[in-house]
C-alpha cells in the first residue's frame, strides 16, 4: 500500500489531496515536526534533506512534493488528472507545476524562513527579506489571476481539473495571513471557493484537522 509521510498543512498537502482525488488506498504516516521527527535518523534515511513529504510506493521511496504528484499522475492514468502526454496542454501542465514549486513555493519559503538567508546578527535583513518576499508573492498571485482571466475556465489549466489544482490550493492557503491573501483576488477567490467544495478537499482538511480560515 502507498504510504504518505505528512504533517498537517505542510508541503505534503498537495500529494494528500491528490491521493484522495484518486480514490486509491493509502496510509498516512505522521511526521511530527513539533518534535523534530523530520530530523530523526530514521526519517533522514527516507529523505536526507529532512523535509516533508515522503512517499513510499512498494520499493520506491520518493521525496519532493511535485515529483510525488507526477508519479501519482503517471501511475493512475485512468484518473486523467493530467493532459495527454505529448500534447501542448501537457507541456503547460509541466510548466505550471515547475513554476509553482520553483517560483511561487520557493518565494513563500523565503517569506516563512527569512532567517535562513540572513546572518544571526542581521535581524533587520531578515525582516526586509520577508517583506520583499511577500510583495513578490503578491505579484506572482496576480500572474495566476491573469491566467484565470485569460482562459475563463474553472481550473488552472482551464476546463480540466488536474493535479495542478491541489498544488495551487496548498500554496494559496499559505498566503491566508498575508496582508493581501490569494482569496482577496476576484478570480482566485472564486477558484478557492470551488476547491473547498470538492469532497476530497473537505476530507483532507478534516483528516489534517484544519480549521478556518481554510484559505
Protein backbone atom coordinates (compact mmCIF):
# COMPACT_ATOMS: atom_id res chain seq x y z
CA UNK A 1 0.00 0.00 0.00
CA UNK A 2 1.12 3.57 -0.68
CA UNK A 3 2.34 5.45 2.38
CA UNK A 4 2.47 9.23 2.60
CA UNK A 5 4.66 10.73 5.31
CA UNK A 6 2.99 14.04 6.10
CA UNK A 7 2.45 16.87 8.51
CA UNK A 8 -0.76 18.98 8.57
CA UNK A 9 -0.79 21.99 6.24
CA UNK A 10 2.75 21.19 5.12
CA UNK A 11 4.00 20.57 1.56
CA UNK A 12 2.53 17.10 1.94
CA UNK A 13 -0.95 18.57 1.49
CA UNK A 14 -0.82 18.54 -2.33
CA UNK A 15 0.01 14.80 -2.54
CA UNK A 16 -2.55 14.09 0.21
CA UNK A 17 -5.24 15.93 -1.78
CA UNK A 18 -4.22 14.14 -4.93
CA UNK A 19 -4.41 10.72 -3.27
CA UNK A 20 -7.94 11.47 -2.08
CA UNK A 21 -8.93 12.61 -5.57
CA UNK A 22 -7.56 9.35 -6.99
CA UNK A 23 -9.50 7.27 -4.50
CA UNK A 24 -6.64 4.79 -4.28
CA UNK A 25 -5.89 3.07 -0.95
CA UNK A 26 -3.11 4.74 1.03
CA UNK A 27 -1.80 5.07 4.56
CA UNK A 28 -0.84 8.31 6.28
CA UNK A 29 2.28 8.37 8.47
CA UNK A 30 2.53 11.48 10.66
CA UNK A 31 5.96 13.08 10.83
CA UNK A 32 5.75 15.21 13.98
CA UNK A 33 7.60 18.38 13.09
CA UNK A 34 6.81 19.80 16.53
CA UNK A 35 9.19 17.23 17.97
CA UNK A 36 11.75 17.36 15.13
CA UNK A 37 10.73 13.95 13.79
CA UNK A 38 11.69 15.09 10.28
CA UNK A 39 15.29 15.38 11.51
CA UNK A 40 15.41 11.95 13.13
CA UNK A 41 17.89 9.35 11.82
CA UNK A 42 15.08 7.09 10.63
CA UNK A 43 13.38 9.85 8.66
CA UNK A 44 16.65 11.09 7.20
CA UNK A 45 17.11 7.64 5.69
CA UNK A 46 13.95 8.35 3.67
CA UNK A 47 14.75 11.97 2.84
CA UNK A 48 18.30 13.15 3.60
CA UNK A 49 17.08 16.75 3.27
CA UNK A 50 14.89 16.34 6.35
CA UNK A 51 11.85 17.74 4.55
CA UNK A 52 8.24 16.60 4.27
CA UNK A 53 6.69 14.79 2.36
CA UNK A 54 7.97 11.35 1.51
CA UNK A 55 6.00 8.75 -0.45
CA UNK A 56 6.54 5.00 -0.27
CA UNK A 57 5.09 3.02 -3.16
CA UNK A 58 6.27 -0.57 -2.87
CA UNK A 59 10.05 -0.47 -3.07
CA UNK A 60 10.02 3.12 -4.30
CA UNK A 61 10.84 5.89 -1.82
CA UNK A 62 10.23 9.34 -3.28
CA UNK A 63 10.55 12.86 -1.93
CA UNK A 64 9.77 16.33 -3.37
CA UNK A 65 6.04 17.10 -3.49
CA UNK A 66 5.97 17.91 -7.21
CA UNK A 67 7.77 14.65 -8.07
CA UNK A 68 5.32 12.71 -5.92
CA UNK A 69 2.39 14.35 -7.71
CA UNK A 70 3.84 13.48 -11.11
CA UNK A 71 4.41 9.88 -10.02
CA UNK A 72 0.80 9.57 -8.86
CA UNK A 73 -0.47 11.04 -12.12
CA UNK A 74 1.66 8.64 -14.18
CA UNK A 75 0.71 5.55 -12.17
CA UNK A 76 -3.02 6.36 -12.27
CA UNK A 77 -3.60 7.45 -15.88
CA UNK A 78 -7.24 6.37 -15.75
CA UNK A 79 -7.97 9.28 -13.40
CA UNK A 80 -6.99 11.76 -16.14
CA UNK A 81 -5.50 14.23 -13.69
CA UNK A 82 -3.05 15.44 -16.34
CA UNK A 83 -3.46 16.07 -20.08
CA UNK A 84 -2.31 13.55 -22.65
CA UNK A 85 1.46 13.05 -22.88
CA UNK A 86 2.89 14.88 -25.88
CA UNK A 87 0.04 17.40 -26.09
CA UNK A 88 0.51 21.14 -25.77
CA UNK A 89 -1.76 21.01 -22.72
CA UNK A 90 0.64 18.54 -21.10
CA UNK A 91 3.52 20.92 -21.77
CA UNK A 92 1.63 23.70 -19.99
CA UNK A 93 0.86 21.27 -17.17
CA UNK A 94 4.61 20.75 -16.70
CA UNK A 95 5.23 24.49 -16.95
CA UNK A 96 2.76 25.41 -14.22
CA UNK A 97 3.85 22.63 -11.88
CA UNK A 98 7.51 23.65 -12.20
CA UNK A 99 6.56 27.30 -11.81
CA UNK A 100 4.61 26.60 -8.65
CA UNK A 101 7.35 24.57 -6.99
CA UNK A 102 10.38 26.54 -8.25
CA UNK A 103 8.99 30.08 -8.23
CA UNK A 104 5.90 30.55 -6.06
CA UNK A 105 6.73 27.93 -3.42
CA UNK A 106 10.37 28.99 -3.30
CA UNK A 107 9.34 32.60 -2.69
CA UNK A 108 6.89 31.54 0.00
CA UNK A 109 9.77 29.70 1.68
CA UNK A 110 11.72 32.97 1.79
CA UNK A 111 8.74 34.61 3.48
CA UNK A 112 8.31 31.94 6.14
CA UNK A 113 12.00 31.30 6.81
CA UNK A 114 13.88 34.57 6.13
CA UNK A 115 16.29 33.85 8.98
CA UNK A 116 17.78 31.03 6.90
CA UNK A 117 19.12 33.62 4.48
CA UNK A 118 20.31 36.30 6.88
CA UNK A 119 23.13 36.27 9.40
CA UNK A 120 22.09 35.88 13.06
CA UNK A 121 23.34 39.41 13.73
CA UNK A 122 21.28 40.87 10.86
CA UNK A 123 17.68 40.61 12.02
CA UNK A 124 16.77 43.72 10.05
CA UNK A 125 17.90 41.91 6.92
CA UNK A 126 15.56 39.00 7.67
CA UNK A 127 12.67 41.41 8.24
CA UNK A 128 13.36 43.20 4.97
CA UNK A 129 13.65 39.90 3.12
CA UNK A 130 10.29 38.75 4.47
CA UNK A 131 8.63 41.95 3.30
CA UNK A 132 10.18 41.67 -0.15
CA UNK A 133 9.11 38.04 -0.41
CA UNK A 134 5.50 38.93 0.47
CA UNK A 135 5.49 41.61 -2.22
CA UNK A 136 6.91 39.16 -4.75
CA UNK A 137 4.30 36.55 -3.85
CA UNK A 138 1.64 39.19 -4.45
CA UNK A 139 2.95 39.75 -7.97
CA UNK A 140 3.02 36.00 -8.61
CA UNK A 141 -0.58 35.64 -7.45
CA UNK A 142 -1.53 38.37 -9.91
CA UNK A 143 0.08 36.28 -12.64
CA UNK A 144 -2.21 33.37 -11.78
CA UNK A 145 -5.17 35.74 -11.54
CA UNK A 146 -4.41 36.92 -15.07
CA UNK A 147 -4.26 33.33 -16.30
CA UNK A 148 -7.77 32.63 -14.99
CA UNK A 149 -8.99 35.82 -16.63
CA UNK A 150 -7.37 34.79 -19.90
CA UNK A 151 -8.88 31.33 -20.28
CA UNK A 152 -12.11 31.84 -18.31
CA UNK A 153 -12.16 28.24 -17.10
CA UNK A 154 -12.80 26.94 -13.58
CA UNK A 155 -9.37 25.30 -13.07
CA UNK A 156 -5.77 26.35 -13.55
CA UNK A 157 -5.47 24.64 -16.95
CA UNK A 158 -8.93 25.80 -17.98
CA UNK A 159 -11.74 23.25 -18.32
CA UNK A 160 -9.83 20.21 -16.99
CA UNK A 161 -9.28 19.63 -13.29
CA UNK A 162 -5.70 18.35 -12.89
CA UNK A 163 -3.06 17.65 -10.27
CA UNK A 164 -2.11 21.32 -10.56
CA UNK A 165 -5.20 22.34 -8.64
CA UNK A 166 -4.40 20.61 -5.33
CA UNK A 167 -0.91 22.09 -5.54
CA UNK A 168 -2.26 25.59 -6.16
CA UNK A 169 -4.75 25.29 -3.31
CA UNK A 170 -1.94 24.34 -0.95
CA UNK A 171 0.20 27.33 -1.92
CA UNK A 172 -2.71 29.77 -1.87
CA UNK A 173 -3.61 28.54 1.60
CA UNK A 174 -0.15 29.51 2.79
CA UNK A 175 -0.95 33.17 2.00
CA UNK A 176 -4.04 33.26 4.22
CA UNK A 177 -2.37 35.53 6.82
CA UNK A 178 -0.84 37.89 4.24
CA UNK A 179 -1.97 41.48 4.00
CA UNK A 180 -3.31 40.60 0.54
CA UNK A 181 -4.04 36.85 0.53
CA UNK A 182 -4.87 34.83 -2.55
CA UNK A 183 -8.56 34.76 -1.61
CA UNK A 184 -8.73 38.56 -1.93
CA UNK A 185 -8.19 38.42 -5.71
CA UNK A 186 -11.51 38.03 -7.57
CA UNK A 187 -10.62 35.10 -9.82
CA UNK A 188 -8.53 33.30 -7.23
CA UNK A 189 -11.12 33.86 -4.53
CA UNK A 190 -13.81 32.23 -6.65
CA UNK A 191 -11.41 29.42 -7.58
CA UNK A 192 -10.56 28.69 -3.95
CA UNK A 193 -14.27 28.58 -3.12
CA UNK A 194 -14.75 25.95 -5.84
CA UNK A 195 -11.83 23.96 -4.49
CA UNK A 196 -13.25 23.97 -0.97
CA UNK A 197 -16.47 22.40 -2.28
CA UNK A 198 -14.67 19.29 -3.52
CA UNK A 199 -15.26 16.22 -1.31
CA UNK A 200 -11.58 15.24 -1.46
CA UNK A 201 -10.55 18.66 -0.18
CA UNK A 202 -13.08 18.56 2.63
CA UNK A 203 -11.90 15.08 3.65
CA UNK A 204 -8.23 16.11 3.71
CA UNK A 205 -8.95 19.22 5.77
CA UNK A 206 -10.93 17.11 8.24
CA UNK A 207 -8.21 14.43 8.41
CA UNK A 208 -5.48 17.03 8.95
CA UNK A 209 -7.73 18.81 11.48
CA UNK A 210 -7.51 22.10 9.62
CA UNK A 211 -9.98 24.73 10.74
CA UNK A 212 -10.84 28.20 9.47
CA UNK A 213 -9.51 30.25 7.90
CA UNK A 214 -9.21 27.46 5.35
CA UNK A 215 -7.60 29.69 2.70
